[in-house]
Amino acid sequence: MVLDKFGLQRISLRKTAKQLSYRMRYKAMSSHDQVNCRKWKKILQYLIIINYCRPEDKFIEEILPLIAMKYLSLAYEDPDSHEPPEKPLRLVISVDSFTASQCKIFFKFNKEELQRIFNMMTFPDECKFDNNGSMSGEEVFLRGLYEACNSGNKQVICETLMGGEYTRQSRAFIYFIEHIYDRFRHLVHNSLDWWYRNGLLKQSATAIHDKMIAAGFPRELILLHRTCLFVDCNCLPTSVVGGWSH
């Protein structure tokens, strides 16, 4: 039983799913209940008006409490149904929290590579969020990388792997994206100079030239395209089906 400051039993309206946290949504009023609630409320209001205008009508006087009880049973929470909220899973997250196989499955990198990438990403020791909360840089990195690799519902990520409330996962991912963009966007903006300095543009043009010769293109067309090149997002040899290594 929940009492207010006057010692009276507190009653409150049932809420829709959007008004409740994930952990309390099992108590949400369904769409069907919302429709019935509006219907019984209108009937109750109509009967109250009739009872006021025709106080001598005993039938209305008798049925009015039944309609009121029907409406209240749909619109208000049962005062005795309050349960203590579930506590979120609390975990300390770091690269060492995961096994070698989990690192490969969850983050797509070997454990040693994962630690090296984190060191290169220059996350701060403590990351501050907009709600004055904080999280270690290593945990922000792992949460962000996991969601980028696997997606999925944030509540499920917290319940099954990372712990904490889903809002922490959301803030960690936002911080992860903004950190990557602020620190490393220069690597993908106007990066053709890097390709040129490393000789990759010349390799690309030569590879296209050789492909055209092997395919039997006319000489005039080959000379016309001698300076053409193709920049891919991956400049490393690959053995993936459909890939091209040189």
C-alpha atoms as a PDB file:
ATOM      1  CA  MET A   1       0.000   0.000   0.000  1.00  0.00           C
ATOM      2  CA  VAL A   2       1.303   3.472  -0.912  1.00  0.00           C
ATOM      3  CA  LEU A   3       0.371   6.422   1.315  1.00  0.00           C
ATOM      4  CA  ASP A   4       0.728  10.113   0.575  1.00  0.00           C
ATOM      5  CA  LYS A   5       2.044  12.744   3.021  1.00  0.00           C
ATOM      6  CA  PHE A   6      -1.356  12.940   4.733  1.00  0.00           C
ATOM      7  CA  GLY A   7      -1.388   9.223   5.429  1.00  0.00           C
ATOM      8  CA  LEU A   8      -4.113   8.591   2.862  1.00  0.00           C
ATOM      9  CA  GLN A   9      -3.979   5.766   0.392  1.00  0.00           C
ATOM     10  CA  ARG A  10      -2.665   7.040  -2.920  1.00  0.00           C
ATOM     11  CA  ILE A  11      -4.429   6.225  -6.177  1.00  0.00           C
ATOM     12  CA  SER A  12      -3.069   7.055  -9.605  1.00  0.00           C
ATOM     13  CA  LEU A  13      -4.186   6.723 -13.186  1.00  0.00           C
ATOM     14  CA  ARG A  14      -2.865   3.852 -15.246  1.00  0.00           C
ATOM     15  CA  LYS A  15      -0.373   5.016 -17.853  1.00  0.00           C
ATOM     16  CA  THR A  16       0.267   4.134 -21.478  1.00  0.00           C
ATOM     17  CA  ALA A  17       3.475   2.422 -22.579  1.00  0.00           C
ATOM     18  CA  LYS A  18       5.060   5.702 -23.736  1.00  0.00           C
ATOM     19  CA  GLN A  19       4.660   7.169 -20.248  1.00  0.00           C
ATOM     20  CA  LEU A  20       6.454   4.299 -18.533  1.00  0.00           C
ATOM     21  CA  SER A  21      10.043   3.109 -18.420  1.00  0.00           C
ATOM     22  CA  TYR A  22      10.953  -0.189 -20.062  1.00  0.00           C
ATOM     23  CA  ARG A  23      10.992  -1.935 -16.688  1.00  0.00           C
ATOM     24  CA  MET A  24       7.425  -0.847 -15.897  1.00  0.00           C
ATOM     25  CA  ARG A  25       5.781  -1.294 -19.290  1.00  0.00           C
ATOM     26  CA  TYR A  26       4.248  -4.598 -18.286  1.00  0.00           C
ATOM     27  CA  LYS A  27       1.816  -2.438 -16.246  1.00  0.00           C
ATOM     28  CA  ALA A  28       0.852  -0.249 -19.217  1.00  0.00           C
ATOM     29  CA  MET A  29      -2.767   0.280 -20.204  1.00  0.00           C
ATOM     30  CA  SER A  30      -3.437  -1.510 -23.474  1.00  0.00           C
ATOM     31  CA  SER A  31      -5.096   0.156 -26.469  1.00  0.00           C
ATOM     32  CA  HIS A  32      -8.198  -1.953 -25.853  1.00  0.00           C
ATOM     33  CA  ASP A  33      -8.402  -0.752 -22.250  1.00  0.00           C
ATOM     34  CA  GLN A  34      -7.965   2.858 -23.360  1.00  0.00           C
ATOM     35  CA  VAL A  35     -10.917   2.580 -25.743  1.00  0.00           C
ATOM     36  CA  ASN A  36     -13.122   0.956 -23.080  1.00  0.00           C
ATOM     37  CA  CYS A  37     -12.011   3.508 -20.512  1.00  0.00           C
ATOM     38  CA  ARG A  38     -13.101   6.411 -22.710  1.00  0.00           C
ATOM     39  CA  LYS A  39     -16.402   4.664 -23.402  1.00  0.00           C
ATOM     40  CA  TRP A  40     -17.233   4.061 -19.740  1.00  0.00           C
ATOM     41  CA  LYS A  41     -16.154   7.589 -18.820  1.00  0.00           C
ATOM     42  CA  LYS A  42     -18.633   9.075 -21.291  1.00  0.00           C
ATOM     43  CA  ILE A  43     -21.403   6.799 -19.991  1.00  0.00           C
ATOM     44  CA  LEU A  44     -20.564   7.813 -16.413  1.00  0.00           C
ATOM     45  CA  GLN A  45     -20.636  11.525 -17.273  1.00  0.00           C
ATOM     46  CA  TYR A  46     -23.949  11.093 -19.073  1.00  0.00           C
ATOM     47  CA  LEU A  47     -25.523   9.276 -16.111  1.00  0.00           C
ATOM     48  CA  ILE A  48     -24.275  11.897 -13.643  1.00  0.00           C
ATOM     49  CA  ILE A  49     -25.989  14.619 -15.686  1.00  0.00           C
ATOM     50  CA  ILE A  50     -29.220  12.588 -15.890  1.00  0.00           C
ATOM     51  CA  ASN A  51     -29.113  11.869 -12.150  1.00  0.00           C
ATOM     52  CA  TYR A  52     -28.698  15.579 -11.454  1.00  0.00           C
ATOM     53  CA  CYS A  53     -31.628  16.475 -13.714  1.00  0.00           C
ATOM     54  CA  ARG A  54     -33.881  13.595 -12.578  1.00  0.00           C
ATOM     55  CA  PRO A  55     -33.034  12.801  -8.934  1.00  0.00           C
ATOM     56  CA  GLU A  56     -36.281  10.865  -8.557  1.00  0.00           C
ATOM     57  CA  ASP A  57     -35.144   8.195 -11.039  1.00  0.00           C
ATOM     58  CA  LYS A  58     -34.120   5.325  -8.733  1.00  0.00           C
ATOM     59  CA  PHE A  59     -32.779   3.159 -11.573  1.00  0.00           C
ATOM     60  CA  ILE A  60     -30.138   5.756 -12.476  1.00  0.00           C
ATOM     61  CA  GLU A  61     -29.247   6.110  -8.807  1.00  0.00           C
ATOM     62  CA  GLU A  62     -28.722   2.371  -8.481  1.00  0.00           C
ATOM     63  CA  ILE A  63     -26.750   1.828 -11.693  1.00  0.00           C
ATOM     64  CA  LEU A  64     -24.503   4.880 -11.296  1.00  0.00           C
ATOM     65  CA  PRO A  65     -22.147   3.286  -8.683  1.00  0.00           C
ATOM     66  CA  LEU A  66     -21.729   0.191 -10.895  1.00  0.00           C
ATOM     67  CA  ILE A  67     -20.718   2.274 -13.900  1.00  0.00           C
ATOM     68  CA  ALA A  68     -18.380   4.312 -11.701  1.00  0.00           C
ATOM     69  CA  MET A  69     -16.699   1.139 -10.421  1.00  0.00           C
ATOM     70  CA  LYS A  70     -16.305  -0.174 -13.969  1.00  0.00           C
ATOM     71  CA  TYR A  71     -14.619   3.062 -15.062  1.00  0.00           C
ATOM     72  CA  LEU A  72     -12.363   3.232 -12.008  1.00  0.00           C
ATOM     73  CA  SER A  73     -11.261  -0.391 -12.427  1.00  0.00           C
ATOM     74  CA  LEU A  74      -9.996   0.457 -15.927  1.00  0.00           C
ATOM     75  CA  ALA A  75      -8.619   3.961 -15.350  1.00  0.00           C
ATOM     76  CA  TYR A  76      -6.845   3.622 -11.993  1.00  0.00           C
ATOM     77  CA  GLU A  77      -4.113   1.368 -10.712  1.00  0.00           C
ATOM     78  CA  ASP A  78      -4.826  -1.164  -8.035  1.00  0.00           C
ATOM     79  CA  PRO A  79      -3.272   0.419  -4.892  1.00  0.00           C
ATOM     80  CA  ASP A  80      -2.163  -3.011  -3.665  1.00  0.00           C
ATOM     81  CA  SER A  81      -0.425  -3.950  -6.922  1.00  0.00           C
ATOM     82  CA  HIS A  82       2.644  -1.759  -6.440  1.00  0.00           C
ATOM     83  CA  GLU A  83       5.850  -3.736  -6.631  1.00  0.00           C
ATOM     84  CA  PRO A  84       9.384  -2.501  -6.049  1.00  0.00           C
ATOM     85  CA  PRO A  85      10.987  -1.611  -9.404  1.00  0.00           C
ATOM     86  CA  GLU A  86      13.481  -4.069 -10.814  1.00  0.00           C
ATOM     87  CA  LYS A  87      17.078  -3.096 -10.260  1.00  0.00           C
ATOM     88  CA  PRO A  88      19.209  -2.898 -13.410  1.00  0.00           C
ATOM     89  CA  LEU A  89      22.167  -5.189 -13.795  1.00  0.00           C
ATOM     90  CA  ARG A  90      25.375  -3.506 -12.577  1.00  0.00           C
ATOM     91  CA  LEU A  91      28.604  -4.470 -14.333  1.00  0.00           C
ATOM     92  CA  VAL A  92      32.132  -3.108 -14.632  1.00  0.00           C
ATOM     93  CA  ILE A  93      32.917  -3.179 -18.351  1.00  0.00           C
ATOM     94  CA  SER A  94      36.390  -3.360 -19.885  1.00  0.00           C
ATOM     95  CA  VAL A  95      38.122  -5.316 -22.635  1.00  0.00           C
ATOM     96  CA  ASP A  96      39.203  -7.843 -20.005  1.00  0.00           C
ATOM     97  CA  SER A  97      35.513  -8.440 -19.151  1.00  0.00           C
ATOM     98  CA  PHE A  98      35.190 -10.474 -22.365  1.00  0.00           C
ATOM     99  CA  THR A  99      36.836 -13.672 -23.484  1.00  0.00           C
ATOM    100  CA  ALA A 100      38.784 -13.957 -26.725  1.00  0.00           C
ATOM    101  CA  SER A 101      35.830 -15.577 -28.518  1.00  0.00           C
ATOM    102  CA  GLN A 102      33.388 -12.956 -27.182  1.00  0.00           C
ATOM    103  CA  CYS A 103      35.607 -10.137 -28.458  1.00  0.00           C
ATOM    104  CA  LYS A 104      35.560 -11.622 -31.948  1.00  0.00           C
ATOM    105  CA  ILE A 105      31.800 -12.298 -31.898  1.00  0.00           C
ATOM    106  CA  PHE A 106      30.633  -9.087 -30.221  1.00  0.00           C
ATOM    107  CA  PHE A 107      33.149  -6.545 -31.542  1.00  0.00           C
ATOM    108  CA  LYS A 108      34.546  -8.180 -34.729  1.00  0.00           C
ATOM    109  CA  PHE A 109      38.154  -7.862 -33.522  1.00  0.00           C
ATOM    110  CA  ASN A 110      40.588 -10.115 -31.730  1.00  0.00           C
ATOM    111  CA  LYS A 111      41.140  -9.240 -28.084  1.00  0.00           C
ATOM    112  CA  GLU A 112      44.652  -7.875 -28.693  1.00  0.00           C
ATOM    113  CA  GLU A 113      43.427  -5.821 -31.654  1.00  0.00           C
ATOM    114  CA  LEU A 114      40.514  -4.505 -29.603  1.00  0.00           C
ATOM    115  CA  GLN A 115      42.832  -3.221 -26.881  1.00  0.00           C
ATOM    116  CA  ARG A 116      45.142  -1.636 -29.472  1.00  0.00           C
ATOM    117  CA  ILE A 117      42.239   0.080 -31.245  1.00  0.00           C
ATOM    118  CA  PHE A 118      40.971   1.481 -27.937  1.00  0.00           C
ATOM    119  CA  ASN A 119      44.401   2.944 -27.193  1.00  0.00           C
ATOM    120  CA  MET A 120      44.496   4.562 -30.641  1.00  0.00           C
ATOM    121  CA  MET A 121      41.022   6.087 -30.284  1.00  0.00           C
ATOM    122  CA  THR A 122      42.201   8.396 -27.465  1.00  0.00           C
ATOM    123  CA  PHE A 123      39.036   8.197 -25.402  1.00  0.00           C
ATOM    124  CA  PRO A 124      39.369  10.112 -22.109  1.00  0.00           C
ATOM    125  CA  ASP A 125      39.577   8.173 -18.852  1.00  0.00           C
ATOM    126  CA  GLU A 126      36.164   9.537 -17.863  1.00  0.00           C
ATOM    127  CA  CYS A 127      33.430  10.566 -20.312  1.00  0.00           C
ATOM    128  CA  LYS A 128      30.892  13.152 -19.112  1.00  0.00           C
ATOM    129  CA  PHE A 129      27.294  12.986 -20.363  1.00  0.00           C
ATOM    130  CA  ASP A 130      24.679  15.706 -20.750  1.00  0.00           C
ATOM    131  CA  ASN A 131      22.802  14.503 -17.639  1.00  0.00           C
ATOM    132  CA  ASN A 132      25.931  14.969 -15.467  1.00  0.00           C
ATOM    133  CA  GLY A 133      26.505  11.221 -15.481  1.00  0.00           C
ATOM    134  CA  SER A 134      29.813   9.692 -16.463  1.00  0.00           C
ATOM    135  CA  MET A 135      31.333   6.465 -17.739  1.00  0.00           C
ATOM    136  CA  SER A 136      34.851   5.244 -18.313  1.00  0.00           C
ATOM    137  CA  GLY A 137      36.253   5.803 -21.793  1.00  0.00           C
ATOM    138  CA  GLU A 138      36.853   2.078 -22.220  1.00  0.00           C
ATOM    139  CA  GLU A 139      33.211   1.263 -21.492  1.00  0.00           C
ATOM    140  CA  VAL A 140      31.967   3.977 -23.870  1.00  0.00           C
ATOM    141  CA  PHE A 141      34.248   2.551 -26.570  1.00  0.00           C
ATOM    142  CA  LEU A 142      32.967  -1.013 -26.065  1.00  0.00           C
ATOM    143  CA  ARG A 143      29.301  -0.003 -25.875  1.00  0.00           C
ATOM    144  CA  GLY A 144      29.589   2.121 -29.011  1.00  0.00           C
ATOM    145  CA  LEU A 145      31.503  -0.493 -30.984  1.00  0.00           C
ATOM    146  CA  TYR A 146      29.092  -3.260 -29.969  1.00  0.00           C
ATOM    147  CA  GLU A 147      26.039  -1.283 -31.082  1.00  0.00           C
ATOM    148  CA  ALA A 148      27.747  -0.275 -34.330  1.00  0.00           C
ATOM    149  CA  CYS A 149      28.577  -3.939 -35.061  1.00  0.00           C
ATOM    150  CA  ASN A 150      25.363  -5.593 -33.896  1.00  0.00           C
ATOM    151  CA  SER A 151      22.659  -2.949 -33.546  1.00  0.00           C
ATOM    152  CA  GLY A 152      19.728  -4.223 -31.472  1.00  0.00           C
ATOM    153  CA  ASN A 153      17.409  -2.768 -28.857  1.00  0.00           C
ATOM    154  CA  LYS A 154      19.281  -0.730 -26.241  1.00  0.00           C
ATOM    155  CA  GLN A 155      17.343  -2.311 -23.382  1.00  0.00           C
ATOM    156  CA  VAL A 156      18.277  -5.779 -24.645  1.00  0.00           C
ATOM    157  CA  ILE A 157      21.947  -4.724 -24.891  1.00  0.00           C
ATOM    158  CA  CYS A 158      21.873  -3.603 -21.253  1.00  0.00           C
ATOM    159  CA  GLU A 159      19.941  -6.618 -19.984  1.00  0.00           C
ATOM    160  CA  THR A 160      22.049  -9.243 -21.719  1.00  0.00           C
ATOM    161  CA  LEU A 161      25.561  -7.819 -21.948  1.00  0.00           C
ATOM    162  CA  MET A 162      26.450  -4.322 -20.777  1.00  0.00           C
ATOM    163  CA  GLY A 163      24.282  -3.755 -17.704  1.00  0.00           C
ATOM    164  CA  GLY A 164      22.796  -0.481 -16.496  1.00  0.00           C
ATOM    165  CA  GLU A 165      19.763   1.424 -17.747  1.00  0.00           C
ATOM    166  CA  TYR A 166      19.073   1.708 -21.468  1.00  0.00           C
ATOM    167  CA  THR A 167      19.529   5.498 -21.209  1.00  0.00           C
ATOM    168  CA  ARG A 168      23.210   4.895 -20.333  1.00  0.00           C
ATOM    169  CA  GLN A 169      23.617   2.862 -23.506  1.00  0.00           C
ATOM    170  CA  SER A 170      21.982   5.618 -25.531  1.00  0.00           C
ATOM    171  CA  ARG A 171      24.221   8.347 -24.102  1.00  0.00           C
ATOM    172  CA  ALA A 172      27.336   6.190 -24.456  1.00  0.00           C
ATOM    173  CA  PHE A 173      26.599   5.562 -28.147  1.00  0.00           C
ATOM    174  CA  ILE A 174      26.011   9.264 -28.828  1.00  0.00           C
ATOM    175  CA  TYR A 175      29.316  10.086 -27.107  1.00  0.00           C
ATOM    176  CA  PHE A 176      31.062   7.351 -29.131  1.00  0.00           C
ATOM    177  CA  ILE A 177      29.812   8.713 -32.480  1.00  0.00           C
ATOM    178  CA  GLU A 178      30.614  12.340 -31.627  1.00  0.00           C
ATOM    179  CA  HIS A 179      34.097  11.407 -30.394  1.00  0.00           C
ATOM    180  CA  ILE A 180      34.909   9.472 -33.572  1.00  0.00           C
ATOM    181  CA  TYR A 181      33.587  12.290 -35.761  1.00  0.00           C
ATOM    182  CA  ASP A 182      35.389  15.077 -33.893  1.00  0.00           C
ATOM    183  CA  ARG A 183      38.760  13.300 -33.741  1.00  0.00           C
ATOM    184  CA  PHE A 184      38.967  11.315 -36.970  1.00  0.00           C
ATOM    185  CA  ARG A 185      36.694  12.801 -39.622  1.00  0.00           C
ATOM    186  CA  HIS A 186      39.757  14.199 -41.424  1.00  0.00           C
ATOM    187  CA  LEU A 187      40.624  10.614 -42.410  1.00  0.00           C
ATOM    188  CA  VAL A 188      37.593  10.365 -44.681  1.00  0.00           C
ATOM    189  CA  HIS A 189      37.190  14.022 -45.754  1.00  0.00           C
ATOM    190  CA  ASN A 190      39.333  15.074 -48.730  1.00  0.00           C
ATOM    191  CA  SER A 191      41.628  12.092 -48.306  1.00  0.00           C
ATOM    192  CA  LEU A 192      42.729  11.704 -51.946  1.00  0.00           C
ATOM    193  CA  ASP A 193      46.145  13.186 -51.085  1.00  0.00           C
ATOM    194  CA  TRP A 194      46.772  10.195 -48.819  1.00  0.00           C
ATOM    195  CA  TRP A 195      45.952   7.808 -51.666  1.00  0.00           C
ATOM    196  CA  TYR A 196      48.297   9.721 -53.991  1.00  0.00           C
ATOM    197  CA  ARG A 197      51.193   9.868 -51.492  1.00  0.00           C
ATOM    198  CA  ASN A 198      51.039   6.122 -50.969  1.00  0.00           C
ATOM    199  CA  GLY A 199      50.956   5.329 -54.693  1.00  0.00           C
ATOM    200  CA  LEU A 200      47.493   3.794 -54.537  1.00  0.00           C
ATOM    201  CA  LEU A 201      46.031   6.002 -57.277  1.00  0.00           C
ATOM    202  CA  LYS A 202      48.735   4.816 -59.689  1.00  0.00           C
ATOM    203  CA  GLN A 203      48.126   1.186 -58.671  1.00  0.00           C
ATOM    204  CA  SER A 204      44.410   1.640 -59.308  1.00  0.00           C
ATOM    205  CA  ALA A 205      44.931   3.137 -62.756  1.00  0.00           C
ATOM    206  CA  THR A 206      47.402   0.385 -63.695  1.00  0.00           C
ATOM    207  CA  ALA A 207      45.022  -2.343 -62.493  1.00  0.00           C
ATOM    208  CA  ILE A 208      42.141  -0.903 -64.546  1.00  0.00           C
ATOM    209  CA  HIS A 209      44.433  -0.714 -67.592  1.00  0.00           C
ATOM    210  CA  ASP A 210      45.457  -4.362 -67.218  1.00  0.00           C
ATOM    211  CA  LYS A 211      41.835  -5.443 -66.761  1.00  0.00           C
ATOM    212  CA  MET A 212      40.805  -3.656 -69.962  1.00  0.00           C
ATOM    213  CA  ILE A 213      43.630  -5.308 -71.928  1.00  0.00           C
ATOM    214  CA  ALA A 214      42.678  -8.749 -70.578  1.00  0.00           C
ATOM    215  CA  ALA A 215      39.041  -8.113 -71.502  1.00  0.00           C
ATOM    216  CA  GLY A 216      39.968  -7.229 -75.108  1.00  0.00           C
ATOM    217  CA  PHE A 217      38.933  -3.555 -75.169  1.00  0.00           C
ATOM    218  CA  PRO A 218      39.961  -1.555 -78.294  1.00  0.00           C
ATOM    219  CA  ARG A 219      43.372   0.154 -78.007  1.00  0.00           C
ATOM    220  CA  GLU A 220      41.875   3.629 -78.542  1.00  0.00           C
ATOM    221  CA  LEU A 221      39.513   3.147 -75.604  1.00  0.00           C
ATOM    222  CA  ILE A 222      42.339   1.834 -73.403  1.00  0.00           C
ATOM    223  CA  LEU A 223      44.504   4.889 -74.159  1.00  0.00           C
ATOM    224  CA  LEU A 224      41.542   7.148 -73.425  1.00  0.00           C
ATOM    225  CA  HIS A 225      41.091   5.577 -69.969  1.00  0.00           C
ATOM    226  CA  ARG A 226      44.798   5.232 -69.145  1.00  0.00           C
ATOM    227  CA  THR A 227      44.568   7.868 -66.432  1.00  0.00           C
ATOM    228  CA  CYS A 228      41.341   6.572 -64.874  1.00  0.00           C
ATOM    229  CA  LEU A 229      41.345   5.201 -61.371  1.00  0.00           C
ATOM    230  CA  PHE A 230      38.986   3.659 -58.854  1.00  0.00           C
ATOM    231  CA  VAL A 231      39.155   4.411 -55.136  1.00  0.00           C
ATOM    232  CA  ASP A 232      37.731   1.710 -52.883  1.00  0.00           C
ATOM    233  CA  CYS A 233      37.225   1.923 -49.126  1.00  0.00           C
ATOM    234  CA  ASN A 234      39.605  -1.011 -48.682  1.00  0.00           C
ATOM    235  CA  CYS A 235      43.155  -0.817 -50.020  1.00  0.00           C
ATOM    236  CA  LEU A 236      44.280  -4.125 -48.545  1.00  0.00           C
ATOM    237  CA  PRO A 237      44.430  -7.531 -50.283  1.00  0.00           C
ATOM    238  CA  THR A 238      41.380  -9.630 -49.555  1.00  0.00           C
ATOM    239  CA  SER A 239      40.294 -13.221 -49.910  1.00  0.00           C
ATOM    240  CA  VAL A 240      36.584 -12.485 -49.458  1.00  0.00           C
ATOM    241  CA  VAL A 241      34.338 -13.956 -52.136  1.00  0.00           C
ATOM    242  CA  GLY A 242      33.657 -11.227 -54.696  1.00  0.00           C
ATOM    243  CA  GLY A 243      36.645  -9.186 -53.562  1.00  0.00           C
ATOM    244  CA  TRP A 244      39.675  -8.235 -55.654  1.00  0.00           C
ATOM    245  CA  SER A 245      43.252  -8.523 -54.419  1.00  0.00           C
ATOM    246  CA  HIS A 246      46.298  -7.224 -56.233  1.00  0.00           C
END
